[in-house]
Amino acid sequence: FVKGRFTISRDNAQNTVNLQMNSLAPEDTAVYYCHAKFPGSSP
């Protein structure tokens, strides 16, 4: 439902992720949450 409209990317420091949202429609209304998986002491 977002193909061709949204683009996900990361910055060069790799500590920030962005979501560019174009051609927005009312059905896109929502709370948007960031999620991440990081390794701990064991890779």
ModelCIF file with pLDDT and N, C-alpha, C, O atoms, coordinates in Angstrom:
data_MODEL
#
_entry.id   MODEL 
#
_entity.id                         1 
_entity.type                       polymer 
_entity.pdbx_number_of_molecules   1 
#
_entity_poly.entity_id                      1 
_entity_poly.type                           'polypeptide(L)' 
_entity_poly.nstd_linkage                   no 
_entity_poly.nstd_monomer                   no 
_entity_poly.pdbx_seq_one_letter_code       FVKGRFTISRDNAQNTVNLQMNSLAPEDTAVYYCHAKFPGSSP 
_entity_poly.pdbx_seq_one_letter_code_can   FVKGRFTISRDNAQNTVNLQMNSLAPEDTAVYYCHAKFPGSSP 
_entity_poly.pdbx_strand_id                 A 
#
loop_
_entity_poly_seq.entity_id 
_entity_poly_seq.num 
_entity_poly_seq.mon_id 
_entity_poly_seq.hetero 
1 1  PHE n 
1 2  VAL n 
1 3  LYS n 
1 4  GLY n 
1 5  ARG n 
1 6  PHE n 
1 7  THR n 
1 8  ILE n 
1 9  SER n 
1 10 ARG n 
1 11 ASP n 
1 12 ASN n 
1 13 ALA n 
1 14 GLN n 
1 15 ASN n 
1 16 THR n 
1 17 VAL n 
1 18 ASN n 
1 19 LEU n 
1 20 GLN n 
1 21 MET n 
1 22 ASN n 
1 23 SER n 
1 24 LEU n 
1 25 ALA n 
1 26 PRO n 
1 27 GLU n 
1 28 ASP n 
1 29 THR n 
1 30 ALA n 
1 31 VAL n 
1 32 TYR n 
1 33 TYR n 
1 34 CYS n 
1 35 HIS n 
1 36 ALA n 
1 37 LYS n 
1 38 PHE n 
1 39 PRO n 
1 40 GLY n 
1 41 SER n 
1 42 SER n 
1 43 PRO n 
#
_struct_asym.id          A 
_struct_asym.entity_id   1 
#
loop_
_ma_qa_metric.id 
_ma_qa_metric.mode 
_ma_qa_metric.name 
_ma_qa_metric.software_group_id 
_ma_qa_metric.type 
1 global pLDDT . pLDDT 
2 local  pLDDT . pLDDT 
#
_ma_qa_metric_global.metric_id      1 
_ma_qa_metric_global.metric_value   93.02 
_ma_qa_metric_global.model_id       1 
_ma_qa_metric_global.ordinal_id     1 
#
loop_
_ma_qa_metric_local.label_asym_id 
_ma_qa_metric_local.label_comp_id 
_ma_qa_metric_local.label_seq_id 
_ma_qa_metric_local.metric_id 
_ma_qa_metric_local.metric_value 
_ma_qa_metric_local.model_id 
_ma_qa_metric_local.ordinal_id 
A PHE 1  2 95.00 1 1  
A VAL 2  2 95.00 1 2  
A LYS 3  2 89.00 1 3  
A GLY 4  2 95.00 1 4  
A ARG 5  2 98.00 1 5  
A PHE 6  2 98.00 1 6  
A THR 7  2 98.00 1 7  
A ILE 8  2 98.00 1 8  
A SER 9  2 96.00 1 9  
A ARG 10 2 93.00 1 10 
A ASP 11 2 88.00 1 11 
A ASN 12 2 70.00 1 12 
A ALA 13 2 74.00 1 13 
A GLN 14 2 71.00 1 14 
A ASN 15 2 84.00 1 15 
A THR 16 2 92.00 1 16 
A VAL 17 2 95.00 1 17 
A ASN 18 2 97.00 1 18 
A LEU 19 2 98.00 1 19 
A GLN 20 2 98.00 1 20 
A MET 21 2 98.00 1 21 
A ASN 22 2 98.00 1 22 
A SER 23 2 98.00 1 23 
A LEU 24 2 98.00 1 24 
A ALA 25 2 97.00 1 25 
A PRO 26 2 97.00 1 26 
A GLU 27 2 96.00 1 27 
A ASP 28 2 98.00 1 28 
A THR 29 2 98.00 1 29 
A ALA 30 2 98.00 1 30 
A VAL 31 2 98.00 1 31 
A TYR 32 2 98.00 1 32 
A TYR 33 2 98.00 1 33 
A CYS 34 2 98.00 1 34 
A HIS 35 2 97.00 1 35 
A ALA 36 2 96.00 1 36 
A LYS 37 2 95.00 1 37 
A PHE 38 2 92.00 1 38 
A PRO 39 2 91.00 1 39 
A GLY 40 2 86.00 1 40 
A SER 41 2 84.00 1 41 
A SER 42 2 86.00 1 42 
A PRO 43 2 83.00 1 43 
#
loop_
_atom_site.group_PDB 
_atom_site.id 
_atom_site.type_symbol 
_atom_site.label_atom_id 
_atom_site.label_alt_id 
_atom_site.label_comp_id 
_atom_site.label_asym_id 
_atom_site.label_entity_id 
_atom_site.label_seq_id 
_atom_site.pdbx_PDB_ins_code 
_atom_site.Cartn_x 
_atom_site.Cartn_y 
_atom_site.Cartn_z 
_atom_site.occupancy 
_atom_site.B_iso_or_equiv 
_atom_site.pdbx_formal_charge 
_atom_site.auth_seq_id 
_atom_site.auth_comp_id 
_atom_site.auth_asym_id 
_atom_site.auth_atom_id 
_atom_site.pdbx_PDB_model_num 
ATOM 1   N N  . PHE A 1 1  ? 0.792  -1.221  0.000  1.00 95.00 ? 1  PHE A N  1 
ATOM 2   C CA . PHE A 1 1  ? 0.000  0.000   0.000  1.00 95.00 ? 1  PHE A CA 1 
ATOM 3   C C  . PHE A 1 1  ? 0.828  1.277   0.000  1.00 95.00 ? 1  PHE A C  1 
ATOM 4   O O  . PHE A 1 1  ? 0.263  2.368   -0.066 1.00 95.00 ? 1  PHE A O  1 
ATOM 5   N N  . VAL A 1 2  ? 2.165  1.170   0.072  1.00 95.00 ? 2  VAL A N  1 
ATOM 6   C CA . VAL A 1 2  ? 3.012  2.365   0.017  1.00 95.00 ? 2  VAL A CA 1 
ATOM 7   C C  . VAL A 1 2  ? 4.033  2.315   -1.114 1.00 95.00 ? 2  VAL A C  1 
ATOM 8   O O  . VAL A 1 2  ? 4.775  3.278   -1.306 1.00 95.00 ? 2  VAL A O  1 
ATOM 9   N N  . LYS A 1 3  ? 4.089  1.228   -1.860 1.00 89.00 ? 3  LYS A N  1 
ATOM 10  C CA . LYS A 1 3  ? 5.063  1.108   -2.942 1.00 89.00 ? 3  LYS A CA 1 
ATOM 11  C C  . LYS A 1 3  ? 4.870  2.226   -3.963 1.00 89.00 ? 3  LYS A C  1 
ATOM 12  O O  . LYS A 1 3  ? 3.752  2.503   -4.399 1.00 89.00 ? 3  LYS A O  1 
ATOM 13  N N  . GLY A 1 4  ? 5.973  2.859   -4.334 1.00 95.00 ? 4  GLY A N  1 
ATOM 14  C CA . GLY A 1 4  ? 5.927  3.951   -5.282 1.00 95.00 ? 4  GLY A CA 1 
ATOM 15  C C  . GLY A 1 4  ? 5.658  5.300   -4.662 1.00 95.00 ? 4  GLY A C  1 
ATOM 16  O O  . GLY A 1 4  ? 5.770  6.321   -5.342 1.00 95.00 ? 4  GLY A O  1 
ATOM 17  N N  . ARG A 1 5  ? 5.304  5.335   -3.381 1.00 98.00 ? 5  ARG A N  1 
ATOM 18  C CA . ARG A 1 5  ? 5.006  6.594   -2.702 1.00 98.00 ? 5  ARG A CA 1 
ATOM 19  C C  . ARG A 1 5  ? 5.965  6.893   -1.559 1.00 98.00 ? 5  ARG A C  1 
ATOM 20  O O  . ARG A 1 5  ? 6.323  8.050   -1.340 1.00 98.00 ? 5  ARG A O  1 
ATOM 21  N N  . PHE A 1 6  ? 6.389  5.860   -0.824 1.00 98.00 ? 6  PHE A N  1 
ATOM 22  C CA . PHE A 1 6  ? 7.251  6.030   0.345  1.00 98.00 ? 6  PHE A CA 1 
ATOM 23  C C  . PHE A 1 6  ? 8.644  5.496   0.047  1.00 98.00 ? 6  PHE A C  1 
ATOM 24  O O  . PHE A 1 6  ? 8.800  4.559   -0.736 1.00 98.00 ? 6  PHE A O  1 
ATOM 25  N N  . THR A 1 7  ? 9.660  6.095   0.672  1.00 98.00 ? 7  THR A N  1 
ATOM 26  C CA . THR A 1 7  ? 11.039 5.652   0.538  1.00 98.00 ? 7  THR A CA 1 
ATOM 27  C C  . THR A 1 7  ? 11.702 5.632   1.907  1.00 98.00 ? 7  THR A C  1 
ATOM 28  O O  . THR A 1 7  ? 11.670 6.631   2.626  1.00 98.00 ? 7  THR A O  1 
ATOM 29  N N  . ILE A 1 8  ? 12.306 4.498   2.276  1.00 98.00 ? 8  ILE A N  1 
ATOM 30  C CA . ILE A 1 8  ? 13.041 4.395   3.525  1.00 98.00 ? 8  ILE A CA 1 
ATOM 31  C C  . ILE A 1 8  ? 14.533 4.501   3.225  1.00 98.00 ? 8  ILE A C  1 
ATOM 32  O O  . ILE A 1 8  ? 15.002 3.981   2.213  1.00 98.00 ? 8  ILE A O  1 
ATOM 33  N N  . SER A 1 9  ? 15.275 5.170   4.096  1.00 96.00 ? 9  SER A N  1 
ATOM 34  C CA . SER A 1 9  ? 16.699 5.370   3.890  1.00 96.00 ? 9  SER A CA 1 
ATOM 35  C C  . SER A 1 9  ? 17.396 5.535   5.235  1.00 96.00 ? 9  SER A C  1 
ATOM 36  O O  . SER A 1 9  ? 16.741 5.705   6.263  1.00 96.00 ? 9  SER A O  1 
ATOM 37  N N  . ARG A 1 10 ? 18.727 5.484   5.224  1.00 93.00 ? 10 ARG A N  1 
ATOM 38  C CA . ARG A 1 10 ? 19.536 5.682   6.419  1.00 93.00 ? 10 ARG A CA 1 
ATOM 39  C C  . ARG A 1 10 ? 20.564 6.767   6.158  1.00 93.00 ? 10 ARG A C  1 
ATOM 40  O O  . ARG A 1 10 ? 20.937 7.009   5.010  1.00 93.00 ? 10 ARG A O  1 
ATOM 41  N N  . ASP A 1 11 ? 21.029 7.426   7.222  1.00 88.00 ? 11 ASP A N  1 
ATOM 42  C CA . ASP A 1 11 ? 22.062 8.427   7.055  1.00 88.00 ? 11 ASP A CA 1 
ATOM 43  C C  . ASP A 1 11 ? 23.432 7.774   7.064  1.00 88.00 ? 11 ASP A C  1 
ATOM 44  O O  . ASP A 1 11 ? 23.558 6.580   7.339  1.00 88.00 ? 11 ASP A O  1 
ATOM 45  N N  . ASN A 1 12 ? 24.467 8.568   6.760  1.00 70.00 ? 12 ASN A N  1 
ATOM 46  C CA . ASN A 1 12 ? 25.815 8.017   6.646  1.00 70.00 ? 12 ASN A CA 1 
ATOM 47  C C  . ASN A 1 12 ? 26.362 7.514   7.971  1.00 70.00 ? 12 ASN A C  1 
ATOM 48  O O  . ASN A 1 12 ? 27.191 6.604   7.988  1.00 70.00 ? 12 ASN A O  1 
ATOM 49  N N  . ALA A 1 13 ? 25.918 8.084   9.074  1.00 74.00 ? 13 ALA A N  1 
ATOM 50  C CA . ALA A 1 13 ? 26.350 7.637   10.391 1.00 74.00 ? 13 ALA A CA 1 
ATOM 51  C C  . ALA A 1 13 ? 25.659 6.348   10.816 1.00 74.00 ? 13 ALA A C  1 
ATOM 52  O O  . ALA A 1 13 ? 26.073 5.714   11.787 1.00 74.00 ? 13 ALA A O  1 
ATOM 53  N N  . GLN A 1 14 ? 24.611 5.956   10.098 1.00 71.00 ? 14 GLN A N  1 
ATOM 54  C CA . GLN A 1 14 ? 23.853 4.735   10.351 1.00 71.00 ? 14 GLN A CA 1 
ATOM 55  C C  . GLN A 1 14 ? 23.215 4.706   11.728 1.00 71.00 ? 14 GLN A C  1 
ATOM 56  O O  . GLN A 1 14 ? 23.008 3.635   12.300 1.00 71.00 ? 14 GLN A O  1 
ATOM 57  N N  . ASN A 1 15 ? 22.905 5.868   12.255 1.00 84.00 ? 15 ASN A N  1 
ATOM 58  C CA . ASN A 1 15 ? 22.185 5.936   13.514 1.00 84.00 ? 15 ASN A CA 1 
ATOM 59  C C  . ASN A 1 15 ? 20.813 6.590   13.359 1.00 84.00 ? 15 ASN A C  1 
ATOM 60  O O  . ASN A 1 15 ? 20.096 6.772   14.342 1.00 84.00 ? 15 ASN A O  1 
ATOM 61  N N  . THR A 1 16 ? 20.452 6.940   12.130 1.00 92.00 ? 16 THR A N  1 
ATOM 62  C CA . THR A 1 16 ? 19.167 7.549   11.839 1.00 92.00 ? 16 THR A CA 1 
ATOM 63  C C  . THR A 1 16 ? 18.557 6.920   10.598 1.00 92.00 ? 16 THR A C  1 
ATOM 64  O O  . THR A 1 16 ? 19.241 6.729   9.593  1.00 92.00 ? 16 THR A O  1 
ATOM 65  N N  . VAL A 1 17 ? 17.276 6.599   10.666 1.00 95.00 ? 17 VAL A N  1 
ATOM 66  C CA . VAL A 1 17 ? 16.529 6.068   9.535  1.00 95.00 ? 17 VAL A CA 1 
ATOM 67  C C  . VAL A 1 17 ? 15.388 7.021   9.226  1.00 95.00 ? 17 VAL A C  1 
ATOM 68  O O  . VAL A 1 17 ? 14.721 7.518   10.134 1.00 95.00 ? 17 VAL A O  1 
ATOM 69  N N  . ASN A 1 18 ? 15.164 7.277   7.935  1.00 97.00 ? 18 ASN A N  1 
ATOM 70  C CA . ASN A 1 18 ? 14.153 8.229   7.489  1.00 97.00 ? 18 ASN A CA 1 
ATOM 71  C C  . ASN A 1 18 ? 13.090 7.536   6.661  1.00 97.00 ? 18 ASN A C  1 
ATOM 72  O O  . ASN A 1 18 ? 13.341 6.494   6.054  1.00 97.00 ? 18 ASN A O  1 
ATOM 73  N N  . LEU A 1 19 ? 11.903 8.119   6.639  1.00 98.00 ? 19 LEU A N  1 
ATOM 74  C CA . LEU A 1 19 ? 10.815 7.667   5.790  1.00 98.00 ? 19 LEU A CA 1 
ATOM 75  C C  . LEU A 1 19 ? 10.251 8.872   5.063  1.00 98.00 ? 19 LEU A C  1 
ATOM 76  O O  . LEU A 1 19 ? 9.568  9.703   5.661  1.00 98.00 ? 19 LEU A O  1 
ATOM 77  N N  . GLN A 1 20 ? 10.537 8.967   3.770  1.00 98.00 ? 20 GLN A N  1 
ATOM 78  C CA . GLN A 1 20 ? 9.980  10.022  2.932  1.00 98.00 ? 20 GLN A CA 1 
ATOM 79  C C  . GLN A 1 20 ? 8.627  9.556   2.419  1.00 98.00 ? 20 GLN A C  1 
ATOM 80  O O  . GLN A 1 20 ? 8.541  8.525   1.752  1.00 98.00 ? 20 GLN A O  1 
ATOM 81  N N  . MET A 1 21 ? 7.568  10.304  2.720  1.00 98.00 ? 21 MET A N  1 
ATOM 82  C CA . MET A 1 21 ? 6.208  9.942   2.360  1.00 98.00 ? 21 MET A CA 1 
ATOM 83  C C  . MET A 1 21 ? 5.663  10.973  1.388  1.00 98.00 ? 21 MET A C  1 
ATOM 84  O O  . MET A 1 21 ? 5.504  12.142  1.741  1.00 98.00 ? 21 MET A O  1 
ATOM 85  N N  . ASN A 1 22 ? 5.378  10.544  0.167  1.00 98.00 ? 22 ASN A N  1 
ATOM 86  C CA . ASN A 1 22 ? 4.828  11.400  -0.870 1.00 98.00 ? 22 ASN A CA 1 
ATOM 87  C C  . ASN A 1 22 ? 3.431  10.929  -1.262 1.00 98.00 ? 22 ASN A C  1 
ATOM 88  O O  . ASN A 1 22 ? 3.034  9.806   -0.951 1.00 98.00 ? 22 ASN A O  1 
ATOM 89  N N  . SER A 1 23 ? 2.694  11.797  -1.944 1.00 98.00 ? 23 SER A N  1 
ATOM 90  C CA . SER A 1 23 ? 1.341  11.487  -2.416 1.00 98.00 ? 23 SER A CA 1 
ATOM 91  C C  . SER A 1 23 ? 0.475  10.928  -1.304 1.00 98.00 ? 23 SER A C  1 
ATOM 92  O O  . SER A 1 23 ? -0.201 9.915   -1.484 1.00 98.00 ? 23 SER A O  1 
ATOM 93  N N  . LEU A 1 24 ? 0.495  11.582  -0.164 1.00 98.00 ? 24 LEU A N  1 
ATOM 94  C CA . LEU A 1 24 ? -0.237 11.097  0.999  1.00 98.00 ? 24 LEU A CA 1 
ATOM 95  C C  . LEU A 1 24 ? -1.747 11.179  0.778  1.00 98.00 ? 24 LEU A C  1 
ATOM 96  O O  . LEU A 1 24 ? -2.248 12.100  0.133  1.00 98.00 ? 24 LEU A O  1 
ATOM 97  N N  . ALA A 1 25 ? -2.456 10.196  1.327  1.00 97.00 ? 25 ALA A N  1 
ATOM 98  C CA . ALA A 1 25 ? -3.905 10.101  1.234  1.00 97.00 ? 25 ALA A CA 1 
ATOM 99  C C  . ALA A 1 25 ? -4.489 9.973   2.641  1.00 97.00 ? 25 ALA A C  1 
ATOM 100 O O  . ALA A 1 25 ? -3.776 9.592   3.569  1.00 97.00 ? 25 ALA A O  1 
ATOM 101 N N  . PRO A 1 26 ? -5.777 10.286  2.812  1.00 97.00 ? 26 PRO A N  1 
ATOM 102 C CA . PRO A 1 26 ? -6.385 10.184  4.146  1.00 97.00 ? 26 PRO A CA 1 
ATOM 103 C C  . PRO A 1 26 ? -6.220 8.816   4.794  1.00 97.00 ? 26 PRO A C  1 
ATOM 104 O O  . PRO A 1 26 ? -6.108 8.734   6.018  1.00 97.00 ? 26 PRO A O  1 
ATOM 105 N N  . GLU A 1 27 ? -6.202 7.738   4.010  1.00 96.00 ? 27 GLU A N  1 
ATOM 106 C CA . GLU A 1 27 ? -6.035 6.409   4.577  1.00 96.00 ? 27 GLU A CA 1 
ATOM 107 C C  . GLU A 1 27 ? -4.642 6.164   5.146  1.00 96.00 ? 27 GLU A C  1 
ATOM 108 O O  . GLU A 1 27 ? -4.419 5.142   5.796  1.00 96.00 ? 27 GLU A O  1 
ATOM 109 N N  . ASP A 1 28 ? -3.705 7.074   4.917  1.00 98.00 ? 28 ASP A N  1 
ATOM 110 C CA . ASP A 1 28 ? -2.381 6.985   5.519  1.00 98.00 ? 28 ASP A CA 1 
ATOM 111 C C  . ASP A 1 28 ? -2.363 7.523   6.952  1.00 98.00 ? 28 ASP A C  1 
ATOM 112 O O  . ASP A 1 28 ? -1.352 7.397   7.642  1.00 98.00 ? 28 ASP A O  1 
ATOM 113 N N  . THR A 1 29 ? -3.453 8.112   7.401  1.00 98.00 ? 29 THR A N  1 
ATOM 114 C CA . THR A 1 29 ? -3.531 8.660   8.752  1.00 98.00 ? 29 THR A CA 1 
ATOM 115 C C  . THR A 1 29 ? -3.350 7.553   9.782  1.00 98.00 ? 29 THR A C  1 
ATOM 116 O O  . THR A 1 29 ? -4.081 6.563   9.768  1.00 98.00 ? 29 THR A O  1 
ATOM 117 N N  . ALA A 1 30 ? -2.377 7.719   10.676 1.00 98.00 ? 30 ALA A N  1 
ATOM 118 C CA . ALA A 1 30 ? -2.061 6.705   11.678 1.00 98.00 ? 30 ALA A CA 1 
ATOM 119 C C  . ALA A 1 30 ? -0.954 7.230   12.585 1.00 98.00 ? 30 ALA A C  1 
ATOM 120 O O  . ALA A 1 30 ? -0.356 8.273   12.319 1.00 98.00 ? 30 ALA A O  1 
ATOM 121 N N  . VAL A 1 31 ? -0.692 6.491   13.659 1.00 98.00 ? 31 VAL A N  1 
ATOM 122 C CA . VAL A 1 31 ? 0.510  6.703   14.447 1.00 98.00 ? 31 VAL A CA 1 
ATOM 123 C C  . VAL A 1 31 ? 1.607  5.850   13.829 1.00 98.00 ? 31 VAL A C  1 
ATOM 124 O O  . VAL A 1 31 ? 1.424  4.647   13.640 1.00 98.00 ? 31 VAL A O  1 
ATOM 125 N N  . TYR A 1 32 ? 2.732  6.453   13.518 1.00 98.00 ? 32 TYR A N  1 
ATOM 126 C CA . TYR A 1 32 ? 3.853  5.762   12.900 1.00 98.00 ? 32 TYR A CA 1 
ATOM 127 C C  . TYR A 1 32 ? 4.925  5.495   13.949 1.00 98.00 ? 32 TYR A C  1 
ATOM 128 O O  . TYR A 1 32 ? 5.352  6.404   14.661 1.00 98.00 ? 32 TYR A O  1 
ATOM 129 N N  . TYR A 1 33 ? 5.357  4.228   14.035 1.00 98.00 ? 33 TYR A N  1 
ATOM 130 C CA . TYR A 1 33 ? 6.313  3.782   15.038 1.00 98.00 ? 33 TYR A CA 1 
ATOM 131 C C  . TYR A 1 33 ? 7.615  3.329   14.385 1.00 98.00 ? 33 TYR A C  1 
ATOM 132 O O  . TYR A 1 33 ? 7.599  2.636   13.368 1.00 98.00 ? 33 TYR A O  1 
ATOM 133 N N  . CYS A 1 34 ? 8.727  3.719   14.968 1.00 98.00 ? 34 CYS A N  1 
ATOM 134 C CA . CYS A 1 34 ? 10.031 3.210   14.564 1.00 98.00 ? 34 CYS A CA 1 
ATOM 135 C C  . CYS A 1 34 ? 10.331 1.923   15.327 1.00 98.00 ? 34 CYS A C  1 
ATOM 136 O O  . CYS A 1 34 ? 10.055 1.823   16.523 1.00 98.00 ? 34 CYS A O  1 
ATOM 137 N N  . HIS A 1 35 ? 10.894 0.944   14.632 1.00 97.00 ? 35 HIS A N  1 
ATOM 138 C CA . HIS A 1 35 ? 11.281 -0.330  15.229 1.00 97.00 ? 35 HIS A CA 1 
ATOM 139 C C  . HIS A 1 35 ? 12.706 -0.661  14.813 1.00 97.00 ? 35 HIS A C  1 
ATOM 140 O O  . HIS A 1 35 ? 13.125 -0.354  13.697 1.00 97.00 ? 35 HIS A O  1 
ATOM 141 N N  . ALA A 1 36 ? 13.458 -1.299  15.731 1.00 96.00 ? 36 ALA A N  1 
ATOM 142 C CA . ALA A 1 36 ? 14.834 -1.664  15.430 1.00 96.00 ? 36 ALA A CA 1 
ATOM 143 C C  . ALA A 1 36 ? 15.203 -2.963  16.103 1.00 96.00 ? 36 ALA A C  1 
ATOM 144 O O  . ALA A 1 36 ? 14.703 -3.289  17.180 1.00 96.00 ? 36 ALA A O  1 
ATOM 145 N N  . LYS A 1 37 ? 16.091 -3.706  15.452 1.00 95.00 ? 37 LYS A N  1 
ATOM 146 C CA . LYS A 1 37 ? 16.727 -4.877  16.031 1.00 95.00 ? 37 LYS A CA 1 
ATOM 147 C C  . LYS A 1 37 ? 18.230 -4.616  16.094 1.00 95.00 ? 37 LYS A C  1 
ATOM 148 O O  . LYS A 1 37 ? 18.874 -4.383  15.071 1.00 95.00 ? 37 LYS A O  1 
ATOM 149 N N  . PHE A 1 38 ? 18.776 -4.659  17.304 1.00 92.00 ? 38 PHE A N  1 
ATOM 150 C CA . PHE A 1 38 ? 20.203 -4.448  17.523 1.00 92.00 ? 38 PHE A CA 1 
ATOM 151 C C  . PHE A 1 38 ? 20.814 -5.670  18.181 1.00 92.00 ? 38 PHE A C  1 
ATOM 152 O O  . PHE A 1 38 ? 20.163 -6.296  19.018 1.00 92.00 ? 38 PHE A O  1 
ATOM 153 N N  . PRO A 1 39 ? 22.054 -6.038  17.830 1.00 91.00 ? 39 PRO A N  1 
ATOM 154 C CA . PRO A 1 39 ? 22.738 -7.116  18.530 1.00 91.00 ? 39 PRO A CA 1 
ATOM 155 C C  . PRO A 1 39 ? 23.214 -6.653  19.903 1.00 91.00 ? 39 PRO A C  1 
ATOM 156 O O  . PRO A 1 39 ? 23.555 -5.485  20.089 1.00 91.00 ? 39 PRO A O  1 
ATOM 157 N N  . GLY A 1 40 ? 23.236 -7.577  20.860 1.00 86.00 ? 40 GLY A N  1 
ATOM 158 C CA . GLY A 1 40 ? 23.782 -7.306  22.174 1.00 86.00 ? 40 GLY A CA 1 
ATOM 159 C C  . GLY A 1 40 ? 25.219 -7.772  22.257 1.00 86.00 ? 40 GLY A C  1 
ATOM 160 O O  . GLY A 1 40 ? 25.972 -7.672  21.288 1.00 86.00 ? 40 GLY A O  1 
ATOM 161 N N  . SER A 1 41 ? 25.601 -8.285  23.426 1.00 84.00 ? 41 SER A N  1 
ATOM 162 C CA . SER A 1 41 ? 26.964 -8.771  23.601 1.00 84.00 ? 41 SER A CA 1 
ATOM 163 C C  . SER A 1 41 ? 27.272 -9.943  22.679 1.00 84.00 ? 41 SER A C  1 
ATOM 164 O O  . SER A 1 41 ? 28.398 -10.077 22.199 1.00 84.00 ? 41 SER A O  1 
ATOM 165 N N  . SER A 1 42 ? 26.283 -10.786 22.431 1.00 86.00 ? 42 SER A N  1 
ATOM 166 C CA . SER A 1 42 ? 26.420 -11.881 21.486 1.00 86.00 ? 42 SER A CA 1 
ATOM 167 C C  . SER A 1 42 ? 25.882 -11.436 20.139 1.00 86.00 ? 42 SER A C  1 
ATOM 168 O O  . SER A 1 42 ? 24.709 -11.079 20.034 1.00 86.00 ? 42 SER A O  1 
ATOM 169 N N  . PRO A 1 43 ? 26.724 -11.450 19.093 1.00 83.00 ? 43 PRO A N  1 
ATOM 170 C CA . PRO A 1 43 ? 26.286 -10.918 17.792 1.00 83.00 ? 43 PRO A CA 1 
ATOM 171 C C  . PRO A 1 43 ? 25.089 -11.638 17.194 1.00 83.00 ? 43 PRO A C  1 
ATOM 172 O O  . PRO A 1 43 ? 24.634 -11.280 16.107 1.00 83.00 ? 43 PRO A O  1 
#
